[in-house]
């Protein structure tokens, strides 16, 4: 598997810029986090002892988790250190675990690792799944969502590049080595915007740079608007596609 080169510094800066706007505009991410928690409730209704959340952001998933579960120790990780206060406002016992999780040692003896809309940013998902496996206890759970290849497909069609999203089947194969999949699903969600600039604005407000390394000029924006409208314009406006994929798995221990 060819690993993708992610500029983590650029990712971190983009999300810092969206701290004030993310919760208002990340409607799809909110829905994804809700579904993860609801599916977890279908499998396990009692509480957890030691939990690691990866990519907690401004507490979208954290907040929903704490509505339904109690936990002895909760570690909340994010590459954006500024989220610490937001996270601890949910529950003062939460231990913020800042930094790039691919480069950090994970807490040990976990009975749950949970993550929403984050794994697509990883440089080497296979290696990281091995790290998660080593940190989990027997009878524990890995619960996460990511995005499939059709995510932001309009951006890729217009610009010819984008994030290297792994397929649903590739996730299944990566998990199968050390995990048993208990539940999985995928879906397609389409949002419509008045114009292509509205798409770019939305992406910025949710901390996502869908076109890595792109420095926009006026002529770039004009071409983007024209091409996007020509390819995808409808009576509803212009679409932006999300393709969330979901997994709940347990380690083969």
C-alpha atoms as a PDB file:
ATOM      1  CA  UNK A   1       0.000   0.000   0.000  1.00  0.00           C
ATOM      2  CA  UNK A   2       1.408   3.372  -1.001  1.00  0.00           C
ATOM      3  CA  UNK A   3       1.333   5.774   1.930  1.00  0.00           C
ATOM      4  CA  UNK A   4       0.100   9.286   1.285  1.00  0.00           C
ATOM      5  CA  UNK A   5       2.120  12.365   2.125  1.00  0.00           C
ATOM      6  CA  UNK A   6       0.084  14.560   4.441  1.00  0.00           C
ATOM      7  CA  UNK A   7       1.354  17.991   5.412  1.00  0.00           C
ATOM      8  CA  UNK A   8       0.332  17.797   9.074  1.00  0.00           C
ATOM      9  CA  UNK A   9       1.396  21.393   9.729  1.00  0.00           C
ATOM     10  CA  UNK A  10      -0.954  22.590   6.987  1.00  0.00           C
ATOM     11  CA  UNK A  11      -3.784  20.436   8.359  1.00  0.00           C
ATOM     12  CA  UNK A  12      -3.214  21.821  11.847  1.00  0.00           C
ATOM     13  CA  UNK A  13      -3.251  25.436  10.636  1.00  0.00           C
ATOM     14  CA  UNK A  14      -6.445  24.918   8.625  1.00  0.00           C
ATOM     15  CA  UNK A  15      -8.294  23.566  11.650  1.00  0.00           C
ATOM     16  CA  UNK A  16      -7.005  26.324  13.920  1.00  0.00           C
ATOM     17  CA  UNK A  17      -8.545  28.855  11.516  1.00  0.00           C
ATOM     18  CA  UNK A  18     -11.918  27.083  11.742  1.00  0.00           C
ATOM     19  CA  UNK A  19     -12.217  26.970  15.551  1.00  0.00           C
ATOM     20  CA  UNK A  20     -14.918  29.656  15.615  1.00  0.00           C
ATOM     21  CA  UNK A  21     -16.893  28.310  12.639  1.00  0.00           C
ATOM     22  CA  UNK A  22     -16.604  24.519  12.725  1.00  0.00           C
ATOM     23  CA  UNK A  23     -19.559  23.601  14.938  1.00  0.00           C
ATOM     24  CA  UNK A  24     -21.943  25.855  13.007  1.00  0.00           C
ATOM     25  CA  UNK A  25     -21.024  24.571   9.563  1.00  0.00           C
ATOM     26  CA  UNK A  26     -19.916  20.945  10.097  1.00  0.00           C
ATOM     27  CA  UNK A  27     -23.440  19.576   9.713  1.00  0.00           C
ATOM     28  CA  UNK A  28     -22.356  16.363   8.012  1.00  0.00           C
ATOM     29  CA  UNK A  29     -19.627  15.700  10.590  1.00  0.00           C
ATOM     30  CA  UNK A  30     -22.190  16.183  13.380  1.00  0.00           C
ATOM     31  CA  UNK A  31     -24.481  13.611  11.753  1.00  0.00           C
ATOM     32  CA  UNK A  32     -21.596  11.158  11.332  1.00  0.00           C
ATOM     33  CA  UNK A  33     -20.619  11.468  15.003  1.00  0.00           C
ATOM     34  CA  UNK A  34     -24.244  10.904  16.060  1.00  0.00           C
ATOM     35  CA  UNK A  35     -24.454   7.763  13.986  1.00  0.00           C
ATOM     36  CA  UNK A  36     -21.227   6.376  15.461  1.00  0.00           C
ATOM     37  CA  UNK A  37     -22.492   6.830  19.002  1.00  0.00           C
ATOM     38  CA  UNK A  38     -25.907   5.376  18.159  1.00  0.00           C
ATOM     39  CA  UNK A  39     -24.343   2.289  16.587  1.00  0.00           C
ATOM     40  CA  UNK A  40     -22.037   1.889  19.589  1.00  0.00           C
ATOM     41  CA  UNK A  41     -25.100   1.986  21.858  1.00  0.00           C
ATOM     42  CA  UNK A  42     -26.600  -0.876  19.850  1.00  0.00           C
ATOM     43  CA  UNK A  43     -23.572  -2.998  20.703  1.00  0.00           C
ATOM     44  CA  UNK A  44     -22.612  -1.911  24.213  1.00  0.00           C
ATOM     45  CA  UNK A  45     -24.798  -0.068  26.699  1.00  0.00           C
ATOM     46  CA  UNK A  46     -22.619  -0.330  29.796  1.00  0.00           C
ATOM     47  CA  UNK A  47     -19.763   2.034  30.550  1.00  0.00           C
ATOM     48  CA  UNK A  48     -16.068   2.065  29.746  1.00  0.00           C
ATOM     49  CA  UNK A  49     -12.957   2.299  31.900  1.00  0.00           C
ATOM     50  CA  UNK A  50     -10.273   3.750  29.631  1.00  0.00           C
ATOM     51  CA  UNK A  51     -11.136   5.489  26.359  1.00  0.00           C
ATOM     52  CA  UNK A  52      -9.018   7.214  23.713  1.00  0.00           C
ATOM     53  CA  UNK A  53     -10.714   9.544  21.261  1.00  0.00           C
ATOM     54  CA  UNK A  54      -8.610  10.398  18.217  1.00  0.00           C
ATOM     55  CA  UNK A  55      -9.146  13.726  16.473  1.00  0.00           C
ATOM     56  CA  UNK A  56     -11.553  15.161  19.031  1.00  0.00           C
ATOM     57  CA  UNK A  57     -11.696  18.619  17.435  1.00  0.00           C
ATOM     58  CA  UNK A  58     -14.191  20.988  19.102  1.00  0.00           C
ATOM     59  CA  UNK A  59     -15.891  18.140  21.006  1.00  0.00           C
ATOM     60  CA  UNK A  60     -18.460  17.069  18.398  1.00  0.00           C
ATOM     61  CA  UNK A  61     -18.131  13.352  19.166  1.00  0.00           C
ATOM     62  CA  UNK A  62     -16.964  13.879  22.755  1.00  0.00           C
ATOM     63  CA  UNK A  63     -20.143  15.694  23.696  1.00  0.00           C
ATOM     64  CA  UNK A  64     -22.361  12.995  22.225  1.00  0.00           C
ATOM     65  CA  UNK A  65     -20.363  10.207  23.893  1.00  0.00           C
ATOM     66  CA  UNK A  66     -20.641  11.748  27.363  1.00  0.00           C
ATOM     67  CA  UNK A  67     -24.428  12.043  27.014  1.00  0.00           C
ATOM     68  CA  UNK A  68     -24.695   8.251  26.975  1.00  0.00           C
ATOM     69  CA  UNK A  69     -21.617   6.787  28.666  1.00  0.00           C
ATOM     70  CA  UNK A  70     -19.622   7.200  31.823  1.00  0.00           C
ATOM     71  CA  UNK A  71     -15.922   6.531  31.800  1.00  0.00           C
ATOM     72  CA  UNK A  72     -13.168   6.293  34.409  1.00  0.00           C
ATOM     73  CA  UNK A  73     -10.441   7.755  32.180  1.00  0.00           C
ATOM     74  CA  UNK A  74     -10.977   9.574  28.900  1.00  0.00           C
ATOM     75  CA  UNK A  75      -8.060  10.669  26.731  1.00  0.00           C
ATOM     76  CA  UNK A  76      -8.957  13.161  23.996  1.00  0.00           C
ATOM     77  CA  UNK A  77      -6.374  13.630  21.270  1.00  0.00           C
ATOM     78  CA  UNK A  78      -6.095  16.329  18.653  1.00  0.00           C
ATOM     79  CA  UNK A  79      -3.320  17.927  16.622  1.00  0.00           C
ATOM     80  CA  UNK A  80      -4.800  21.342  17.507  1.00  0.00           C
ATOM     81  CA  UNK A  81      -3.738  22.201  21.054  1.00  0.00           C
ATOM     82  CA  UNK A  82      -6.274  25.043  21.187  1.00  0.00           C
ATOM     83  CA  UNK A  83      -9.108  22.506  21.517  1.00  0.00           C
ATOM     84  CA  UNK A  84      -8.020  21.612  25.064  1.00  0.00           C
ATOM     85  CA  UNK A  85     -10.296  24.138  26.797  1.00  0.00           C
ATOM     86  CA  UNK A  86     -13.276  23.189  24.636  1.00  0.00           C
ATOM     87  CA  UNK A  87     -12.801  19.512  25.426  1.00  0.00           C
ATOM     88  CA  UNK A  88     -12.372  19.996  29.164  1.00  0.00           C
ATOM     89  CA  UNK A  89     -15.532  22.115  29.289  1.00  0.00           C
ATOM     90  CA  UNK A  90     -17.435  18.903  28.490  1.00  0.00           C
ATOM     91  CA  UNK A  91     -15.980  17.139  31.539  1.00  0.00           C
ATOM     92  CA  UNK A  92     -13.086  18.383  33.666  1.00  0.00           C
ATOM     93  CA  UNK A  93     -11.787  14.828  34.098  1.00  0.00           C
ATOM     94  CA  UNK A  94     -10.942  14.530  30.379  1.00  0.00           C
ATOM     95  CA  UNK A  95      -7.202  14.294  29.774  1.00  0.00           C
ATOM     96  CA  UNK A  96      -6.249  16.225  26.651  1.00  0.00           C
ATOM     97  CA  UNK A  97      -3.642  14.354  24.624  1.00  0.00           C
ATOM     98  CA  UNK A  98      -2.281  16.915  22.178  1.00  0.00           C
ATOM     99  CA  UNK A  99      -0.173  16.293  19.085  1.00  0.00           C
ATOM    100  CA  UNK A 100       0.007  14.198  15.932  1.00  0.00           C
ATOM    101  CA  UNK A 101      -1.317  10.837  17.126  1.00  0.00           C
ATOM    102  CA  UNK A 102       0.659   8.936  14.482  1.00  0.00           C
ATOM    103  CA  UNK A 103       3.843  10.118  16.200  1.00  0.00           C
ATOM    104  CA  UNK A 104       2.709   9.674  19.824  1.00  0.00           C
ATOM    105  CA  UNK A 105       2.741   6.656  22.119  1.00  0.00           C
ATOM    106  CA  UNK A 106      -0.832   5.592  22.863  1.00  0.00           C
ATOM    107  CA  UNK A 107      -2.224   5.111  26.358  1.00  0.00           C
ATOM    108  CA  UNK A 108      -2.253   1.412  27.250  1.00  0.00           C
ATOM    109  CA  UNK A 109      -4.982  -0.982  28.430  1.00  0.00           C
ATOM    110  CA  UNK A 110      -7.771   0.801  26.571  1.00  0.00           C
ATOM    111  CA  UNK A 111     -11.215  -0.731  26.257  1.00  0.00           C
ATOM    112  CA  UNK A 112     -12.344   1.706  23.561  1.00  0.00           C
ATOM    113  CA  UNK A 113     -10.675   3.689  20.798  1.00  0.00           C
ATOM    114  CA  UNK A 114     -13.143   5.974  19.033  1.00  0.00           C
ATOM    115  CA  UNK A 115     -12.688   8.463  16.219  1.00  0.00           C
ATOM    116  CA  UNK A 116     -14.929  10.398  13.864  1.00  0.00           C
ATOM    117  CA  UNK A 117     -13.876  11.891  10.520  1.00  0.00           C
ATOM    118  CA  UNK A 118     -10.131  11.730  11.230  1.00  0.00           C
ATOM    119  CA  UNK A 119      -8.495   8.560   9.875  1.00  0.00           C
ATOM    120  CA  UNK A 120      -8.448   9.966   6.314  1.00  0.00           C
ATOM    121  CA  UNK A 121      -5.659  12.322   7.442  1.00  0.00           C
ATOM    122  CA  UNK A 122      -3.274   9.508   8.375  1.00  0.00           C
ATOM    123  CA  UNK A 123      -0.075   8.888   6.437  1.00  0.00           C
ATOM    124  CA  UNK A 124       0.084   5.162   7.258  1.00  0.00           C
ATOM    125  CA  UNK A 125      -3.220   3.734   8.442  1.00  0.00           C
ATOM    126  CA  UNK A 126      -1.956   0.139   8.487  1.00  0.00           C
ATOM    127  CA  UNK A 127       0.867   1.001  10.891  1.00  0.00           C
ATOM    128  CA  UNK A 128      -1.477   2.988  13.082  1.00  0.00           C
ATOM    129  CA  UNK A 129      -4.024   0.163  13.281  1.00  0.00           C
ATOM    130  CA  UNK A 130      -1.189  -2.008  14.609  1.00  0.00           C
ATOM    131  CA  UNK A 131      -0.540   0.612  17.305  1.00  0.00           C
ATOM    132  CA  UNK A 132      -4.212   0.645  18.240  1.00  0.00           C
ATOM    133  CA  UNK A 133      -4.275  -3.148  18.433  1.00  0.00           C
ATOM    134  CA  UNK A 134      -1.338  -3.123  20.859  1.00  0.00           C
ATOM    135  CA  UNK A 135      -3.049  -0.525  23.075  1.00  0.00           C
ATOM    136  CA  UNK A 136      -6.398  -2.339  23.304  1.00  0.00           C
ATOM    137  CA  UNK A 137      -7.431  -4.913  25.886  1.00  0.00           C
ATOM    138  CA  UNK A 138      -9.191  -8.152  24.923  1.00  0.00           C
ATOM    139  CA  UNK A 139     -12.960  -7.607  24.582  1.00  0.00           C
ATOM    140  CA  UNK A 140     -12.372  -3.960  23.683  1.00  0.00           C
ATOM    141  CA  UNK A 141     -13.669  -1.997  20.688  1.00  0.00           C
ATOM    142  CA  UNK A 142     -12.368   0.164  17.853  1.00  0.00           C
ATOM    143  CA  UNK A 143     -15.093   2.509  16.587  1.00  0.00           C
ATOM    144  CA  UNK A 144     -14.388   4.956  13.788  1.00  0.00           C
ATOM    145  CA  UNK A 145     -15.574   6.735  10.683  1.00  0.00           C
ATOM    146  CA  UNK A 146     -13.528   7.924   7.745  1.00  0.00           C
ATOM    147  CA  UNK A 147     -14.318   8.869   4.148  1.00  0.00           C
ATOM    148  CA  UNK A 148     -14.303   6.890   0.899  1.00  0.00           C
ATOM    149  CA  UNK A 149     -13.009   7.774  -2.580  1.00  0.00           C
ATOM    150  CA  UNK A 150     -16.189   9.604  -3.648  1.00  0.00           C
ATOM    151  CA  UNK A 151     -15.720  12.156  -0.876  1.00  0.00           C
ATOM    152  CA  UNK A 152     -15.382  15.631  -2.420  1.00  0.00           C
ATOM    153  CA  UNK A 153     -15.455  13.996  -5.843  1.00  0.00           C
ATOM    154  CA  UNK A 154     -16.518  17.288  -7.439  1.00  0.00           C
ATOM    155  CA  UNK A 155     -13.323  18.951  -6.213  1.00  0.00           C
ATOM    156  CA  UNK A 156     -11.239  16.138  -7.656  1.00  0.00           C
ATOM    157  CA  UNK A 157     -13.051  16.320 -10.995  1.00  0.00           C
ATOM    158  CA  UNK A 158     -12.560  20.076 -11.288  1.00  0.00           C
ATOM    159  CA  UNK A 159      -9.007  20.330  -9.926  1.00  0.00           C
ATOM    160  CA  UNK A 160      -7.630  16.923 -10.851  1.00  0.00           C
ATOM    161  CA  UNK A 161      -6.295  16.272  -7.359  1.00  0.00           C
ATOM    162  CA  UNK A 162      -7.355  15.835  -3.749  1.00  0.00           C
ATOM    163  CA  UNK A 163      -6.828  13.714  -0.678  1.00  0.00           C
ATOM    164  CA  UNK A 164      -6.101  10.026  -1.296  1.00  0.00           C
ATOM    165  CA  UNK A 165      -9.189   8.476   0.297  1.00  0.00           C
ATOM    166  CA  UNK A 166      -9.026   4.714   0.823  1.00  0.00           C
ATOM    167  CA  UNK A 167     -11.915   2.553  -0.370  1.00  0.00           C
ATOM    168  CA  UNK A 168     -14.358   0.776   1.916  1.00  0.00           C
ATOM    169  CA  UNK A 169     -12.868  -2.559   0.821  1.00  0.00           C
ATOM    170  CA  UNK A 170      -9.336  -1.358   1.536  1.00  0.00           C
ATOM    171  CA  UNK A 171     -10.366  -0.476   5.087  1.00  0.00           C
ATOM    172  CA  UNK A 172     -11.875  -3.942   5.449  1.00  0.00           C
ATOM    173  CA  UNK A 173      -8.642  -5.554   4.309  1.00  0.00           C
ATOM    174  CA  UNK A 174      -6.474  -3.409   6.583  1.00  0.00           C
ATOM    175  CA  UNK A 175      -8.660  -4.269   9.567  1.00  0.00           C
ATOM    176  CA  UNK A 176      -8.902  -7.996   8.814  1.00  0.00           C
ATOM    177  CA  UNK A 177      -5.301  -8.711   9.848  1.00  0.00           C
ATOM    178  CA  UNK A 178      -5.816  -7.991  13.546  1.00  0.00           C
ATOM    179  CA  UNK A 179      -9.486  -7.058  13.956  1.00  0.00           C
ATOM    180  CA  UNK A 180     -12.866  -8.700  13.561  1.00  0.00           C
ATOM    181  CA  UNK A 181     -15.418  -6.323  12.053  1.00  0.00           C
ATOM    182  CA  UNK A 182     -18.647  -6.346  14.068  1.00  0.00           C
ATOM    183  CA  UNK A 183     -20.514  -3.714  12.072  1.00  0.00           C
ATOM    184  CA  UNK A 184     -19.753  -1.533   9.067  1.00  0.00           C
ATOM    185  CA  UNK A 185     -21.610   0.708   6.656  1.00  0.00           C
ATOM    186  CA  UNK A 186     -21.153   3.444   4.084  1.00  0.00           C
ATOM    187  CA  UNK A 187     -23.371   6.181   2.730  1.00  0.00           C
ATOM    188  CA  UNK A 188     -23.384   9.128   0.374  1.00  0.00           C
ATOM    189  CA  UNK A 189     -24.472  12.565   1.568  1.00  0.00           C
ATOM    190  CA  UNK A 190     -24.865  15.488  -0.832  1.00  0.00           C
ATOM    191  CA  UNK A 191     -25.014  19.118   0.231  1.00  0.00           C
ATOM    192  CA  UNK A 192     -25.939  21.931  -2.130  1.00  0.00           C
ATOM    193  CA  UNK A 193     -24.525  25.444  -2.207  1.00  0.00           C
ATOM    194  CA  UNK A 194     -25.572  28.552  -4.104  1.00  0.00           C
ATOM    195  CA  UNK A 195     -22.340  28.680  -6.071  1.00  0.00           C
ATOM    196  CA  UNK A 196     -18.845  27.148  -6.199  1.00  0.00           C
ATOM    197  CA  UNK A 197     -17.385  29.862  -3.976  1.00  0.00           C
ATOM    198  CA  UNK A 198     -19.894  28.735  -1.357  1.00  0.00           C
ATOM    199  CA  UNK A 199     -18.343  25.268  -1.578  1.00  0.00           C
ATOM    200  CA  UNK A 200     -14.857  26.655  -0.950  1.00  0.00           C
ATOM    201  CA  UNK A 201     -16.147  28.815   1.896  1.00  0.00           C
ATOM    202  CA  UNK A 202     -17.825  25.803   3.510  1.00  0.00           C
ATOM    203  CA  UNK A 203     -14.650  23.763   3.295  1.00  0.00           C
ATOM    204  CA  UNK A 204     -12.648  26.543   4.911  1.00  0.00           C
ATOM    205  CA  UNK A 205     -15.233  26.958   7.686  1.00  0.00           C
ATOM    206  CA  UNK A 206     -14.964  23.258   8.530  1.00  0.00           C
ATOM    207  CA  UNK A 207     -11.170  23.277   8.562  1.00  0.00           C
ATOM    208  CA  UNK A 208     -10.722  21.260   5.396  1.00  0.00           C
ATOM    209  CA  UNK A 209      -8.303  22.180   2.663  1.00  0.00           C
ATOM    210  CA  UNK A 210      -9.697  19.903  -0.026  1.00  0.00           C
ATOM    211  CA  UNK A 211      -7.029  20.978  -2.504  1.00  0.00           C
ATOM    212  CA  UNK A 212      -3.661  20.460  -0.746  1.00  0.00           C
ATOM    213  CA  UNK A 213      -1.002  23.032  -1.580  1.00  0.00           C
ATOM    214  CA  UNK A 214      -3.385  25.231  -3.581  1.00  0.00           C
ATOM    215  CA  UNK A 215      -2.681  28.963  -3.564  1.00  0.00           C
ATOM    216  CA  UNK A 216      -5.626  30.663  -5.241  1.00  0.00           C
ATOM    217  CA  UNK A 217      -5.335  33.529  -7.718  1.00  0.00           C
ATOM    218  CA  UNK A 218      -8.250  35.484  -9.149  1.00  0.00           C
ATOM    219  CA  UNK A 219      -7.944  33.631 -12.442  1.00  0.00           C
ATOM    220  CA  UNK A 220      -7.866  30.298 -10.568  1.00  0.00           C
ATOM    221  CA  UNK A 221     -11.084  31.185  -8.771  1.00  0.00           C
ATOM    222  CA  UNK A 222     -12.796  32.252 -11.993  1.00  0.00           C
ATOM    223  CA  UNK A 223     -11.796  29.038 -13.745  1.00  0.00           C
ATOM    224  CA  UNK A 224     -12.886  26.987 -10.709  1.00  0.00           C
ATOM    225  CA  UNK A 225     -16.286  28.690 -10.633  1.00  0.00           C
ATOM    226  CA  UNK A 226     -16.857  28.217 -14.353  1.00  0.00           C
ATOM    227  CA  UNK A 227     -15.725  24.575 -14.457  1.00  0.00           C
ATOM    228  CA  UNK A 228     -17.624  23.607 -11.314  1.00  0.00           C
ATOM    229  CA  UNK A 229     -20.845  25.236 -12.545  1.00  0.00           C
ATOM    230  CA  UNK A 230     -20.516  23.704 -16.008  1.00  0.00           C
ATOM    231  CA  UNK A 231     -19.936  20.198 -14.643  1.00  0.00           C
ATOM    232  CA  UNK A 232     -22.286  20.155 -11.653  1.00  0.00           C
ATOM    233  CA  UNK A 233     -24.700  23.086 -11.788  1.00  0.00           C
ATOM    234  CA  UNK A 234     -28.344  22.192 -11.013  1.00  0.00           C
ATOM    235  CA  UNK A 235     -31.554  23.969 -10.123  1.00  0.00           C
ATOM    236  CA  UNK A 236     -30.665  23.325  -6.480  1.00  0.00           C
ATOM    237  CA  UNK A 237     -27.260  24.950  -6.834  1.00  0.00           C
ATOM    238  CA  UNK A 238     -23.940  23.106  -6.945  1.00  0.00           C
ATOM    239  CA  UNK A 239     -23.369  19.877  -4.992  1.00  0.00           C
ATOM    240  CA  UNK A 240     -20.594  18.722  -2.699  1.00  0.00           C
ATOM    241  CA  UNK A 241     -20.488  14.995  -2.013  1.00  0.00           C
ATOM    242  CA  UNK A 242     -19.534  13.358   1.275  1.00  0.00           C
ATOM    243  CA  UNK A 243     -18.955   9.596   1.496  1.00  0.00           C
ATOM    244  CA  UNK A 244     -18.648   8.568   5.154  1.00  0.00           C
ATOM    245  CA  UNK A 245     -17.664   4.992   5.950  1.00  0.00           C
ATOM    246  CA  UNK A 246     -18.129   3.407   9.371  1.00  0.00           C
ATOM    247  CA  UNK A 247     -16.555   0.527  11.271  1.00  0.00           C
ATOM    248  CA  UNK A 248     -16.914  -1.101  14.660  1.00  0.00           C
ATOM    249  CA  UNK A 249     -14.351  -3.823  15.255  1.00  0.00           C
ATOM    250  CA  UNK A 250     -12.798  -5.790  18.079  1.00  0.00           C
ATOM    251  CA  UNK A 251      -9.174  -6.960  18.308  1.00  0.00           C
ATOM    252  CA  UNK A 252      -8.439 -10.619  17.672  1.00  0.00           C
ATOM    253  CA  UNK A 253      -6.982 -11.327  21.118  1.00  0.00           C
END
